[in-house]
PDB file of N, CA and C in Angstrom:
ATOM      1  N   MET A   1      28.405 -96.273  -5.038  1.00  0.00           N
ATOM      2  CA  MET A   1      29.717 -96.158  -5.461  1.00  0.00           C
ATOM      3  C   MET A   1      30.026 -97.477  -6.213  1.00  0.00           C
ATOM      4  N   LYS A   2      30.746 -97.357  -7.147  1.00  0.00           N
ATOM      5  CA  LYS A   2      31.200 -98.560  -8.158  1.00  0.00           C
ATOM      6  C   LYS A   2      32.199 -99.647  -7.694  1.00  0.00           C
ATOM      7  N   GLY A   3      31.446-100.807  -7.970  1.00  0.00           N
ATOM      8  CA  GLY A   3      32.806-101.826  -7.135  1.00  0.00           C
ATOM      9  C   GLY A   3      32.417-102.298  -6.042  1.00  0.00           C
ATOM     10  N   LEU A   4      31.426-101.676  -5.357  1.00  0.00           N
ATOM     11  CA  LEU A   4      31.080-102.240  -3.661  1.00  0.00           C
ATOM     12  C   LEU A   4      29.624-103.028  -3.810  1.00  0.00           C
ATOM     13  N   VAL A   5      29.937-104.071  -2.858  1.00  0.00           N
ATOM     14  CA  VAL A   5      28.644-104.867  -3.274  1.00  0.00           C
ATOM     15  C   VAL A   5      27.769-105.101  -1.736  1.00  0.00           C
ATOM     16  N   LYS A   6      26.530-104.923  -1.420  1.00  0.00           N
ATOM     17  CA  LYS A   6      26.226-104.907  -0.258  1.00  0.00           C
ATOM     18  C   LYS A   6      26.279-106.596   0.382  1.00  0.00           C
ATOM     19  N   VAL A   7      26.741-106.675   1.469  1.00  0.00           N
ATOM     20  CA  VAL A   7      26.930-108.059   1.872  1.00  0.00           C
ATOM     21  C   VAL A   7      26.024-108.328   3.490  1.00  0.00           C
ATOM     22  N   ASN A   8      25.660-109.103   4.043  1.00  0.00           N
ATOM     23  CA  ASN A   8      24.868-109.322   4.817  1.00  0.00           C
ATOM     24  C   ASN A   8      26.030-109.814   5.960  1.00  0.00           C
ATOM     25  N   THR A   9      25.802-108.671   7.174  1.00  0.00           N
ATOM     26  CA  THR A   9      27.042-108.969   8.293  1.00  0.00           C
ATOM     27  C   THR A   9      27.495-110.215   8.703  1.00  0.00           C
ATOM     28  N   PRO A  10      26.472-110.722   9.254  1.00  0.00           N
ATOM     29  CA  PRO A  10      26.198-112.253   9.609  1.00  0.00           C
ATOM     30  C   PRO A  10      26.960-113.157   8.640  1.00  0.00           C
ATOM     31  N   GLU A  11      27.067-113.205   7.224  1.00  0.00           N
ATOM     32  CA  GLU A  11      27.521-113.960   6.318  1.00  0.00           C
ATOM     33  C   GLU A  11      28.655-113.643   6.198  1.00  0.00           C
ATOM     34  N   LEU A  12      29.505-112.534   6.131  1.00  0.00           N
ATOM     35  CA  LEU A  12      30.601-112.037   6.329  1.00  0.00           C
ATOM     36  C   LEU A  12      31.217-112.388   7.199  1.00  0.00           C
ATOM     37  N   VAL A  13      30.759-112.298   8.598  1.00  0.00           N
ATOM     38  CA  VAL A  13      31.563-112.795   9.687  1.00  0.00           C
ATOM     39  C   VAL A  13      31.663-113.998   9.860  1.00  0.00           C
ATOM     40  N   GLU A  14      30.879-114.777   9.457  1.00  0.00           N
ATOM     41  CA  GLU A  14      31.022-116.676   9.090  1.00  0.00           C
ATOM     42  C   GLU A  14      31.999-116.821   8.179  1.00  0.00           C
ATOM     43  N   GLU A  15      32.249-115.910   6.977  1.00  0.00           N
ATOM     44  CA  GLU A  15      33.106-116.335   6.219  1.00  0.00           C
ATOM     45  C   GLU A  15      34.626-115.838   6.852  1.00  0.00           C
ATOM     46  N   LEU A  16      34.712-114.778   7.314  1.00  0.00           N
ATOM     47  CA  LEU A  16      36.124-114.210   7.983  1.00  0.00           C
ATOM     48  C   LEU A  16      36.529-115.203   8.898  1.00  0.00           C
ATOM     49  N   LYS A  17      35.779-115.867   9.759  1.00  0.00           N
ATOM     50  CA  LYS A  17      35.953-116.889  10.878  1.00  0.00           C
ATOM     51  C   LYS A  17      36.546-117.735   9.876  1.00  0.00           C
ATOM     52  N   LYS A  18      36.343-118.319   8.945  1.00  0.00           N
ATOM     53  CA  LYS A  18      36.956-119.666   8.183  1.00  0.00           C
ATOM     54  C   LYS A  18      38.446-119.133   7.831  1.00  0.00           C
ATOM     55  N   LYS A  19      38.721-117.922   7.624  1.00  0.00           N
ATOM     56  CA  LYS A  19      39.760-117.437   6.877  1.00  0.00           C
ATOM     57  C   LYS A  19      41.630-117.894   7.863  1.00  0.00           C
ATOM     58  N   GLU A  20      42.179-117.735   7.004  1.00  0.00           N
ATOM     59  CA  GLU A  20      43.559-118.111   7.643  1.00  0.00           C
ATOM     60  C   GLU A  20      44.144-116.693   8.448  1.00  0.00           C
ATOM     61  N   GLY A  21      44.707-116.424   9.807  1.00  0.00           N
ATOM     62  CA  GLY A  21      45.485-115.154  10.198  1.00  0.00           C
ATOM     63  C   GLY A  21      43.744-114.756  11.054  1.00  0.00           C
ATOM     64  N   VAL A  22      42.789-115.180  11.106  1.00  0.00           N
ATOM     65  CA  VAL A  22      41.690-114.334  11.850  1.00  0.00           C
ATOM     66  C   VAL A  22      41.251-115.602  13.293  1.00  0.00           C
ATOM     67  N   GLN A  23      41.313-114.743  14.258  1.00  0.00           N
ATOM     68  CA  GLN A  23      41.084-115.374  15.268  1.00  0.00           C
ATOM     69  C   GLN A  23      39.793-115.148  15.771  1.00  0.00           C
ATOM     70  N   TYR A  24      38.869-115.629  16.346  1.00  0.00           N
ATOM     71  CA  TYR A  24      37.424-115.467  16.399  1.00  0.00           C
ATOM     72  C   TYR A  24      37.092-115.765  18.023  1.00  0.00           C
ATOM     73  N   PHE A  25      36.321-114.728  18.940  1.00  0.00           N
ATOM     74  CA  PHE A  25      35.893-115.127  19.912  1.00  0.00           C
ATOM     75  C   PHE A  25      34.746-114.538  20.205  1.00  0.00           C
ATOM     76  N   GLU A  26      33.882-115.559  21.285  1.00  0.00           N
ATOM     77  CA  GLU A  26      32.953-114.680  21.793  1.00  0.00           C
ATOM     78  C   GLU A  26      33.015-113.990  23.101  1.00  0.00           C
ATOM     79  N   GLY A  27      32.325-112.673  23.355  1.00  0.00           N
ATOM     80  CA  GLY A  27      33.034-112.138  24.517  1.00  0.00           C
ATOM     81  C   GLY A  27      31.500-111.393  24.883  1.00  0.00           C
ATOM     82  N   GLY A  28      31.733-110.730  26.481  1.00  0.00           N
ATOM     83  CA  GLY A  28      31.062-110.014  26.864  1.00  0.00           C
ATOM     84  C   GLY A  28      31.023-110.404  28.561  1.00  0.00           C
ATOM     85  N   LEU A  29      29.675-109.888  28.986  1.00  0.00           N
ATOM     86  CA  LEU A  29      29.607-110.413  30.476  1.00  0.00           C
ATOM     87  C   LEU A  29      29.345-111.881  30.686  1.00  0.00           C
ATOM     88  N   TYR A  30      30.017-112.369  31.550  1.00  0.00           N
ATOM     89  CA  TYR A  30      30.137-113.722  31.710  1.00  0.00           C
ATOM     90  C   TYR A  30      30.558-114.518  30.818  1.00  0.00           C
ATOM     91  N   ARG A  31      31.627-113.787  29.941  1.00  0.00           N
ATOM     92  CA  ARG A  31      31.997-114.676  28.869  1.00  0.00           C
ATOM     93  C   ARG A  31      33.701-115.071  29.529  1.00  0.00           C
ATOM     94  N   ASN A  32      34.467-115.948  28.576  1.00  0.00           N
ATOM     95  CA  ASN A  32      35.594-115.982  29.075  1.00  0.00           C
ATOM     96  C   ASN A  32      36.548-114.690  28.472  1.00  0.00           C
ATOM     97  N   TYR A  33      36.170-114.016  27.343  1.00  0.00           N
ATOM     98  CA  TYR A  33      36.721-112.872  26.983  1.00  0.00           C
ATOM     99  C   TYR A  33      36.137-111.545  27.003  1.00  0.00           C
ATOM    100  N   GLU A  34      36.705-110.487  27.089  1.00  0.00           N
ATOM    101  CA  GLU A  34      35.930-109.362  27.243  1.00  0.00           C
ATOM    102  C   GLU A  34      37.000-108.381  26.613  1.00  0.00           C
ATOM    103  N   VAL A  35      36.629-107.243  25.679  1.00  0.00           N
ATOM    104  CA  VAL A  35      37.654-106.542  25.074  1.00  0.00           C
ATOM    105  C   VAL A  35      37.641-105.232  25.989  1.00  0.00           C
ATOM    106  N   LYS A  36      38.788-104.603  26.375  1.00  0.00           N
ATOM    107  CA  LYS A  36      39.029-103.425  27.463  1.00  0.00           C
ATOM    108  C   LYS A  36      40.051-102.110  26.574  1.00  0.00           C
ATOM    109  N   ALA A  37      39.608-101.211  26.437  1.00  0.00           N
ATOM    110  CA  ALA A  37      40.212-100.043  26.472  1.00  0.00           C
ATOM    111  C   ALA A  37      41.565 -99.699  26.684  1.00  0.00           C
ATOM    112  N   LYS A  38      42.392-100.021  25.820  1.00  0.00           N
ATOM    113  CA  LYS A  38      43.581 -99.294  26.503  1.00  0.00           C
ATOM    114  C   LYS A  38      44.128 -97.837  26.674  1.00  0.00           C
ATOM    115  N   TYR A  39      43.274 -96.833  25.628  1.00  0.00           N
ATOM    116  CA  TYR A  39      43.123 -95.485  26.118  1.00  0.00           C
ATOM    117  C   TYR A  39      41.779 -95.144  25.492  1.00  0.00           C
ATOM    118  N   THR A  40      41.136 -94.136  26.301  1.00  0.00           N
ATOM    119  CA  THR A  40      39.635 -93.626  25.736  1.00  0.00           C
ATOM    120  C   THR A  40      39.845 -92.176  26.053  1.00  0.00           C
ATOM    121  N   ALA A  41      39.314 -91.339  25.361  1.00  0.00           N
ATOM    122  CA  ALA A  41      39.015 -90.140  25.275  1.00  0.00           C
ATOM    123  C   ALA A  41      38.294 -89.652  26.590  1.00  0.00           C
ATOM    124  N   ARG A  42      39.286 -88.691  27.086  1.00  0.00           N
ATOM    125  CA  ARG A  42      38.652 -88.245  28.492  1.00  0.00           C
ATOM    126  C   ARG A  42      38.455 -89.465  29.737  1.00  0.00           C
ATOM    127  N   ASN A  43      39.259 -90.583  29.541  1.00  0.00           N
ATOM    128  CA  ASN A  43      39.373 -91.800  30.456  1.00  0.00           C
ATOM    129  C   ASN A  43      37.766 -91.990  30.590  1.00  0.00           C
ATOM    130  N   GLU A  44      36.710 -91.910  29.442  1.00  0.00           N
ATOM    131  CA  GLU A  44      35.369 -92.405  29.769  1.00  0.00           C
ATOM    132  C   GLU A  44      35.529 -94.074  29.451  1.00  0.00           C
ATOM    133  N   GLU A  45      34.731 -94.716  30.088  1.00  0.00           N
ATOM    134  CA  GLU A  45      34.384 -96.343  29.970  1.00  0.00           C
ATOM    135  C   GLU A  45      33.856 -96.822  28.322  1.00  0.00           C
ATOM    136  N   LEU A  46      34.552 -97.841  28.011  1.00  0.00           N
ATOM    137  CA  LEU A  46      34.141 -98.386  26.857  1.00  0.00           C
ATOM    138  C   LEU A  46      32.754 -99.044  27.032  1.00  0.00           C
ATOM    139  N   LEU A  47      31.724 -98.739  26.564  1.00  0.00           N
ATOM    140  CA  LEU A  47      30.432 -99.428  26.746  1.00  0.00           C
ATOM    141  C   LEU A  47      30.536-100.488  25.588  1.00  0.00           C
ATOM    142  N   LEU A  48      29.994-101.389  25.745  1.00  0.00           N
ATOM    143  CA  LEU A  48      29.889-102.493  24.958  1.00  0.00           C
ATOM    144  C   LEU A  48      28.577-103.567  25.306  1.00  0.00           C
ATOM    145  N   PRO A  49      27.687-104.329  24.512  1.00  0.00           N
ATOM    146  CA  PRO A  49      27.155-105.148  25.024  1.00  0.00           C
ATOM    147  C   PRO A  49      27.170-106.126  25.364  1.00  0.00           C
ATOM    148  N   LYS A  50      26.296-106.719  26.176  1.00  0.00           N
ATOM    149  CA  LYS A  50      26.718-107.980  26.905  1.00  0.00           C
ATOM    150  C   LYS A  50      27.252-108.939  26.407  1.00  0.00           C
ATOM    151  N   LYS A  51      26.638-109.138  25.212  1.00  0.00           N
ATOM    152  CA  LYS A  51      27.314-110.565  24.145  1.00  0.00           C
ATOM    153  C   LYS A  51      27.472-109.718  22.917  1.00  0.00           C
ATOM    154  N   TYR A  52      29.211-110.352  22.619  1.00  0.00           N
ATOM    155  CA  TYR A  52      29.668-109.437  21.483  1.00  0.00           C
ATOM    156  C   TYR A  52      30.125-110.710  20.670  1.00  0.00           C
ATOM    157  N   GLN A  53      31.035-110.318  19.621  1.00  0.00           N
ATOM    158  CA  GLN A  53      31.834-111.176  18.721  1.00  0.00           C
ATOM    159  C   GLN A  53      33.320-110.245  18.465  1.00  0.00           C
ATOM    160  N   ILE A  54      34.228-111.011  18.467  1.00  0.00           N
ATOM    161  CA  ILE A  54      35.515-110.455  18.630  1.00  0.00           C
ATOM    162  C   ILE A  54      36.088-111.028  17.260  1.00  0.00           C
ATOM    163  N   LEU A  55      36.654-110.445  16.148  1.00  0.00           N
ATOM    164  CA  LEU A  55      37.412-110.788  15.564  1.00  0.00           C
ATOM    165  C   LEU A  55      38.914-110.216  15.132  1.00  0.00           C
ATOM    166  N   ILE A  56      39.831-110.405  15.255  1.00  0.00           N
ATOM    167  CA  ILE A  56      41.241-110.236  15.343  1.00  0.00           C
ATOM    168  C   ILE A  56      41.811-110.764  14.032  1.00  0.00           C
ATOM    169  N   VAL A  57      42.082-109.531  13.219  1.00  0.00           N
ATOM    170  CA  VAL A  57      42.402-109.934  11.739  1.00  0.00           C
ATOM    171  C   VAL A  57      43.933-109.861  11.653  1.00  0.00           C
ATOM    172  N   GLU A  58      44.934-110.875  11.336  1.00  0.00           N
ATOM    173  CA  GLU A  58      46.438-110.469  11.101  1.00  0.00           C
ATOM    174  C   GLU A  58      46.402-109.449   9.845  1.00  0.00           C
ATOM    175  N   ARG A  59      47.633-108.660  10.464  1.00  0.00           N
ATOM    176  CA  ARG A  59      47.883-107.646   9.040  1.00  0.00           C
ATOM    177  C   ARG A  59      49.353-108.617   8.597  1.00  0.00           C
ATOM    178  N   ASN A  60      49.241-108.138   7.248  1.00  0.00           N
ATOM    179  CA  ASN A  60      50.522-108.822   6.431  1.00  0.00           C
ATOM    180  C   ASN A  60      51.118-107.835   5.771  1.00  0.00           C
ATOM    181  N   ASP A  61      51.604-106.494   6.214  1.00  0.00           N
ATOM    182  CA  ASP A  61      52.230-105.395   5.816  1.00  0.00           C
ATOM    183  C   ASP A  61      53.711-105.529   5.245  1.00  0.00           C
TER     184      ASP A  61
END
């Protein structure tokens, strides 16, 4: 695809964490933050790893 650049995911996350309008949290089992699904298909549980990163990006529509 024209115009796309391959970017290393950890590098991308580090750059996004520095941006205005982005909130970063460490989440998971035995952490202060956890992601919970408001709605899931067929009421199935949302499966997440024991440790994960959460990025919340503000939309400016």
